[in-house]
């Protein structure tokens, strides 16, 4: 299904059109408990704002807390436009985030930083860390090859692992908004060389489609020698 993640039990990253199907398949991860929602950007495979209307009292009468949404101006404006068509007002509390600033988001410290995915809007990746301390985990989807400013920022951080999108698979087409398998390997190498990611740190790939030209097992076979793990729906990672 389309890419999203749940961190710390209370924080969700992105709300794709597959959200209801994900909830049915994984009932042990109930959406009712989510308190915070992070949006990477407003492309449709990550962003289904009409689904937020089902937090309204008519659909969720037992919910007592508003959903805290952390997002860019572009995502906020789209939610505001869509909310005019909601069945009734939903309890949403939106907060604009700035790249390279750290925010307390429930059980996590979250630091957004700039992705290089779309020229038409600001797109974000995130660094996540437990508020009790420890190194950060990089969540990158959608990414593209980072700009020099972003590489400089990441060189100052210490990571315990990473999730990176591999939207192009083994297709080496010129589209710059996603990464291929070889480009993900180059990202991993650069993070190692900068000292921000230890050589033995876990490195996961996500955000796949038919345009990547390989099924899961074949992609896994190619990624494993490069020290990368191909993610799958329902994967749980403890860091």
Protein backbone atom coordinates (compact mmCIF):
# COMPACT_ATOMS: atom_id res chain seq x y z
CA UNK A 1 0.00 0.00 0.00
CA UNK A 2 1.02 3.61 -0.28
CA UNK A 3 3.69 4.84 2.07
CA UNK A 4 3.11 5.98 5.64
CA UNK A 5 4.56 5.20 9.05
CA UNK A 6 3.60 5.06 12.71
CA UNK A 7 6.20 6.20 15.24
CA UNK A 8 6.00 5.80 18.99
CA UNK A 9 2.40 4.60 18.80
CA UNK A 10 1.00 8.15 18.83
CA UNK A 11 2.61 9.81 15.81
CA UNK A 12 1.70 9.07 12.20
CA UNK A 13 3.64 10.24 9.16
CA UNK A 14 1.38 10.92 6.13
CA UNK A 15 -2.22 9.93 5.52
CA UNK A 16 -2.50 8.18 2.13
CA UNK A 17 -5.72 7.07 0.42
CA UNK A 18 -5.00 3.52 1.67
CA UNK A 19 -5.44 4.51 5.32
CA UNK A 20 -8.72 2.65 5.87
CA UNK A 21 -7.33 -0.51 4.24
CA UNK A 22 -4.24 -0.26 6.44
CA UNK A 23 -6.44 0.00 9.53
CA UNK A 24 -8.39 -3.12 8.56
CA UNK A 25 -5.24 -5.11 7.82
CA UNK A 26 -3.42 -4.06 11.01
CA UNK A 27 -6.04 -3.65 13.76
CA UNK A 28 -3.30 -3.83 16.39
CA UNK A 29 -2.34 -0.31 15.29
CA UNK A 30 -5.61 1.58 15.84
CA UNK A 31 -5.86 5.04 14.31
CA UNK A 32 -8.08 6.15 17.19
CA UNK A 33 -5.02 6.42 19.43
CA UNK A 34 -3.05 8.72 17.12
CA UNK A 35 -2.52 12.17 18.59
CA UNK A 36 -0.13 13.69 16.04
CA UNK A 37 0.05 13.66 12.25
CA UNK A 38 3.12 14.76 10.27
CA UNK A 39 2.79 15.53 6.58
CA UNK A 40 5.76 15.32 4.23
CA UNK A 41 3.95 17.09 1.36
CA UNK A 42 0.61 17.32 -0.41
CA UNK A 43 0.94 14.81 -3.26
CA UNK A 44 -2.09 12.54 -3.40
CA UNK A 45 -0.30 9.29 -2.55
CA UNK A 46 0.67 10.80 0.85
CA UNK A 47 -2.14 13.23 1.48
CA UNK A 48 -5.87 12.42 1.67
CA UNK A 49 -7.26 15.36 3.67
CA UNK A 50 -10.93 14.47 3.13
CA UNK A 51 -10.36 11.47 5.43
CA UNK A 52 -9.86 13.90 8.33
CA UNK A 53 -13.59 14.64 8.40
CA UNK A 54 -14.12 11.27 10.08
CA UNK A 55 -12.65 12.70 13.28
CA UNK A 56 -15.74 14.90 13.65
CA UNK A 57 -18.13 14.23 16.57
CA UNK A 58 -20.70 12.50 14.36
CA UNK A 59 -18.15 9.83 13.36
CA UNK A 60 -15.86 9.78 16.42
CA UNK A 61 -18.04 10.80 19.39
CA UNK A 62 -15.64 9.37 21.97
CA UNK A 63 -12.57 11.29 20.80
CA UNK A 64 -11.75 14.00 23.33
CA UNK A 65 -8.48 15.44 21.95
CA UNK A 66 -7.95 17.35 18.72
CA UNK A 67 -5.55 15.84 16.21
CA UNK A 68 -2.30 17.82 16.21
CA UNK A 69 -1.16 18.24 12.59
CA UNK A 70 2.39 19.35 11.79
CA UNK A 71 2.71 20.53 8.21
CA UNK A 72 3.78 23.06 5.58
CA UNK A 73 1.79 26.07 4.43
CA UNK A 74 0.82 24.24 1.23
CA UNK A 75 -0.63 21.30 3.15
CA UNK A 76 -2.47 23.61 5.56
CA UNK A 77 -4.07 25.55 2.72
CA UNK A 78 -5.28 22.35 1.06
CA UNK A 79 -6.75 21.06 4.32
CA UNK A 80 -8.52 24.36 4.90
CA UNK A 81 -9.98 24.23 1.39
CA UNK A 82 -11.10 20.60 1.77
CA UNK A 83 -12.55 21.18 5.25
CA UNK A 84 -15.23 23.43 3.75
CA UNK A 85 -16.71 20.24 2.29
CA UNK A 86 -16.59 18.22 5.53
CA UNK A 87 -19.84 16.78 6.88
CA UNK A 88 -19.18 18.78 10.05
CA UNK A 89 -16.20 20.51 11.64
CA UNK A 90 -13.42 18.16 12.71
CA UNK A 91 -11.19 18.74 15.78
CA UNK A 92 -7.93 19.61 14.00
CA UNK A 93 -5.12 21.76 15.35
CA UNK A 94 -2.58 22.67 12.69
CA UNK A 95 0.93 23.96 13.21
CA UNK A 96 3.29 25.15 10.48
CA UNK A 97 6.81 23.74 10.83
CA UNK A 98 10.08 25.18 9.58
CA UNK A 99 12.99 23.11 8.26
CA UNK A 100 15.86 22.41 10.64
CA UNK A 101 13.89 23.44 13.75
CA UNK A 102 13.13 20.82 16.39
CA UNK A 103 9.64 20.32 17.82
CA UNK A 104 8.27 18.25 20.69
CA UNK A 105 5.68 15.99 19.06
CA UNK A 106 4.20 13.68 21.68
CA UNK A 107 6.85 11.13 22.68
CA UNK A 108 9.30 12.36 20.04
CA UNK A 109 11.61 15.17 19.10
CA UNK A 110 10.94 15.85 15.42
CA UNK A 111 13.22 17.90 13.17
CA UNK A 112 11.88 18.56 9.67
CA UNK A 113 14.38 19.22 6.89
CA UNK A 114 14.13 19.95 3.19
CA UNK A 115 13.63 17.15 0.68
CA UNK A 116 14.27 17.72 -3.03
CA UNK A 117 11.12 16.18 -4.42
CA UNK A 118 8.99 18.85 -6.08
CA UNK A 119 9.70 22.37 -7.39
CA UNK A 120 6.07 23.40 -6.84
CA UNK A 121 5.96 23.08 -3.05
CA UNK A 122 8.09 22.62 0.04
CA UNK A 123 8.57 18.92 0.79
CA UNK A 124 9.90 17.59 4.08
CA UNK A 125 11.78 14.64 5.47
CA UNK A 126 12.06 14.11 9.23
CA UNK A 127 14.57 13.26 11.92
CA UNK A 128 12.91 11.45 14.83
CA UNK A 129 14.29 10.92 18.34
CA UNK A 130 12.89 9.76 21.65
CA UNK A 131 12.34 12.68 24.04
CA UNK A 132 14.20 10.68 26.69
CA UNK A 133 17.35 11.01 24.60
CA UNK A 134 19.33 9.08 22.03
CA UNK A 135 20.34 9.39 18.41
CA UNK A 136 17.98 10.32 15.61
CA UNK A 137 16.32 8.17 12.96
CA UNK A 138 15.95 9.56 9.44
CA UNK A 139 12.64 9.16 7.63
CA UNK A 140 12.99 10.15 3.97
CA UNK A 141 9.96 9.89 1.67
CA UNK A 142 9.70 11.50 -0.94
CA UNK A 143 13.30 12.59 -1.15
CA UNK A 144 15.17 13.06 -4.38
CA UNK A 145 18.89 13.78 -4.22
CA UNK A 146 19.44 16.27 -1.41
CA UNK A 147 20.75 19.76 -2.11
CA UNK A 148 24.09 20.88 -0.74
CA UNK A 149 22.42 22.75 2.12
CA UNK A 150 20.61 19.61 3.25
CA UNK A 151 23.77 17.51 3.03
CA UNK A 152 25.57 20.09 5.18
CA UNK A 153 22.75 19.93 7.74
CA UNK A 154 22.76 16.12 7.87
CA UNK A 155 26.53 16.07 8.35
CA UNK A 156 25.98 17.75 11.74
CA UNK A 157 23.59 15.03 12.98
CA UNK A 158 24.18 11.58 14.44
CA UNK A 159 21.80 8.94 13.13
CA UNK A 160 20.99 5.45 14.39
CA UNK A 161 19.27 4.39 11.19
CA UNK A 162 17.38 5.54 8.13
CA UNK A 163 14.36 4.91 5.93
CA UNK A 164 14.83 6.11 2.36
CA UNK A 165 12.44 6.07 -0.58
CA UNK A 166 13.38 3.99 -3.62
CA UNK A 167 10.62 5.08 -5.96
CA UNK A 168 12.54 4.39 -9.18
CA UNK A 169 13.77 0.91 -8.24
CA UNK A 170 16.23 -0.20 -10.90
CA UNK A 171 14.88 2.28 -13.45
CA UNK A 172 17.59 4.88 -14.04
CA UNK A 173 15.24 7.41 -15.64
CA UNK A 174 16.09 11.13 -15.40
CA UNK A 175 13.24 12.05 -13.04
CA UNK A 176 14.92 13.75 -10.08
CA UNK A 177 12.10 13.67 -7.54
CA UNK A 178 12.68 10.03 -6.54
CA UNK A 179 15.70 7.81 -5.99
CA UNK A 180 16.74 4.61 -7.71
CA UNK A 181 18.39 1.68 -5.95
CA UNK A 182 21.85 2.86 -6.99
CA UNK A 183 21.06 6.40 -5.83
CA UNK A 184 19.88 5.08 -2.44
CA UNK A 185 23.21 3.27 -2.14
CA UNK A 186 24.97 6.55 -2.93
CA UNK A 187 22.93 8.31 -0.22
CA UNK A 188 23.93 5.63 2.26
CA UNK A 189 27.61 5.95 1.31
CA UNK A 190 27.53 9.72 1.65
CA UNK A 191 25.94 9.51 5.11
CA UNK A 192 28.66 7.07 6.13
CA UNK A 193 31.42 9.29 4.76
CA UNK A 194 30.08 12.36 6.58
CA UNK A 195 30.13 10.48 9.88
CA UNK A 196 26.40 10.95 10.48
CA UNK A 197 25.44 7.28 9.93
CA UNK A 198 27.49 4.40 11.39
CA UNK A 199 28.49 1.66 8.98
CA UNK A 200 26.39 -0.95 10.81
CA UNK A 201 23.24 1.20 11.16
CA UNK A 202 20.01 -0.20 9.68
CA UNK A 203 19.01 1.27 6.33
CA UNK A 204 15.52 0.54 4.96
CA UNK A 205 14.02 1.18 1.54
CA UNK A 206 10.36 2.11 1.03
CA UNK A 207 7.94 3.78 -1.43
CA UNK A 208 7.88 1.25 -4.28
CA UNK A 209 5.75 0.91 -7.39
CA UNK A 210 5.54 -1.02 -10.64
CA UNK A 211 7.73 1.64 -12.27
CA UNK A 212 10.68 0.30 -10.27
CA UNK A 213 10.59 -2.80 -12.52
CA UNK A 214 11.20 -5.42 -9.76
CA UNK A 215 8.98 -7.34 -7.37
CA UNK A 216 9.86 -7.48 -3.67
CA UNK A 217 12.02 -10.60 -3.67
CA UNK A 218 14.08 -9.48 -6.66
CA UNK A 219 14.61 -6.02 -5.19
CA UNK A 220 15.60 -7.60 -1.87
CA UNK A 221 18.18 -9.76 -3.64
CA UNK A 222 19.79 -6.68 -5.16
CA UNK A 223 19.57 -4.48 -2.07
CA UNK A 224 20.98 -6.95 0.48
CA UNK A 225 24.62 -6.86 -0.78
CA UNK A 226 24.42 -3.07 -0.51
CA UNK A 227 23.50 -3.26 3.18
CA UNK A 228 19.90 -2.17 2.63
CA UNK A 229 16.65 -3.85 3.72
CA UNK A 230 13.55 -3.68 1.51
CA UNK A 231 10.55 -2.76 3.65
CA UNK A 232 7.08 -4.30 3.36
CA UNK A 233 3.60 -3.49 4.57
CA UNK A 234 3.35 -4.04 8.33
CA UNK A 235 7.09 -3.96 8.98
CA UNK A 236 7.91 -3.07 12.59
CA UNK A 237 11.32 -1.66 13.51
CA UNK A 238 12.58 -1.05 17.04
CA UNK A 239 15.39 1.49 17.27
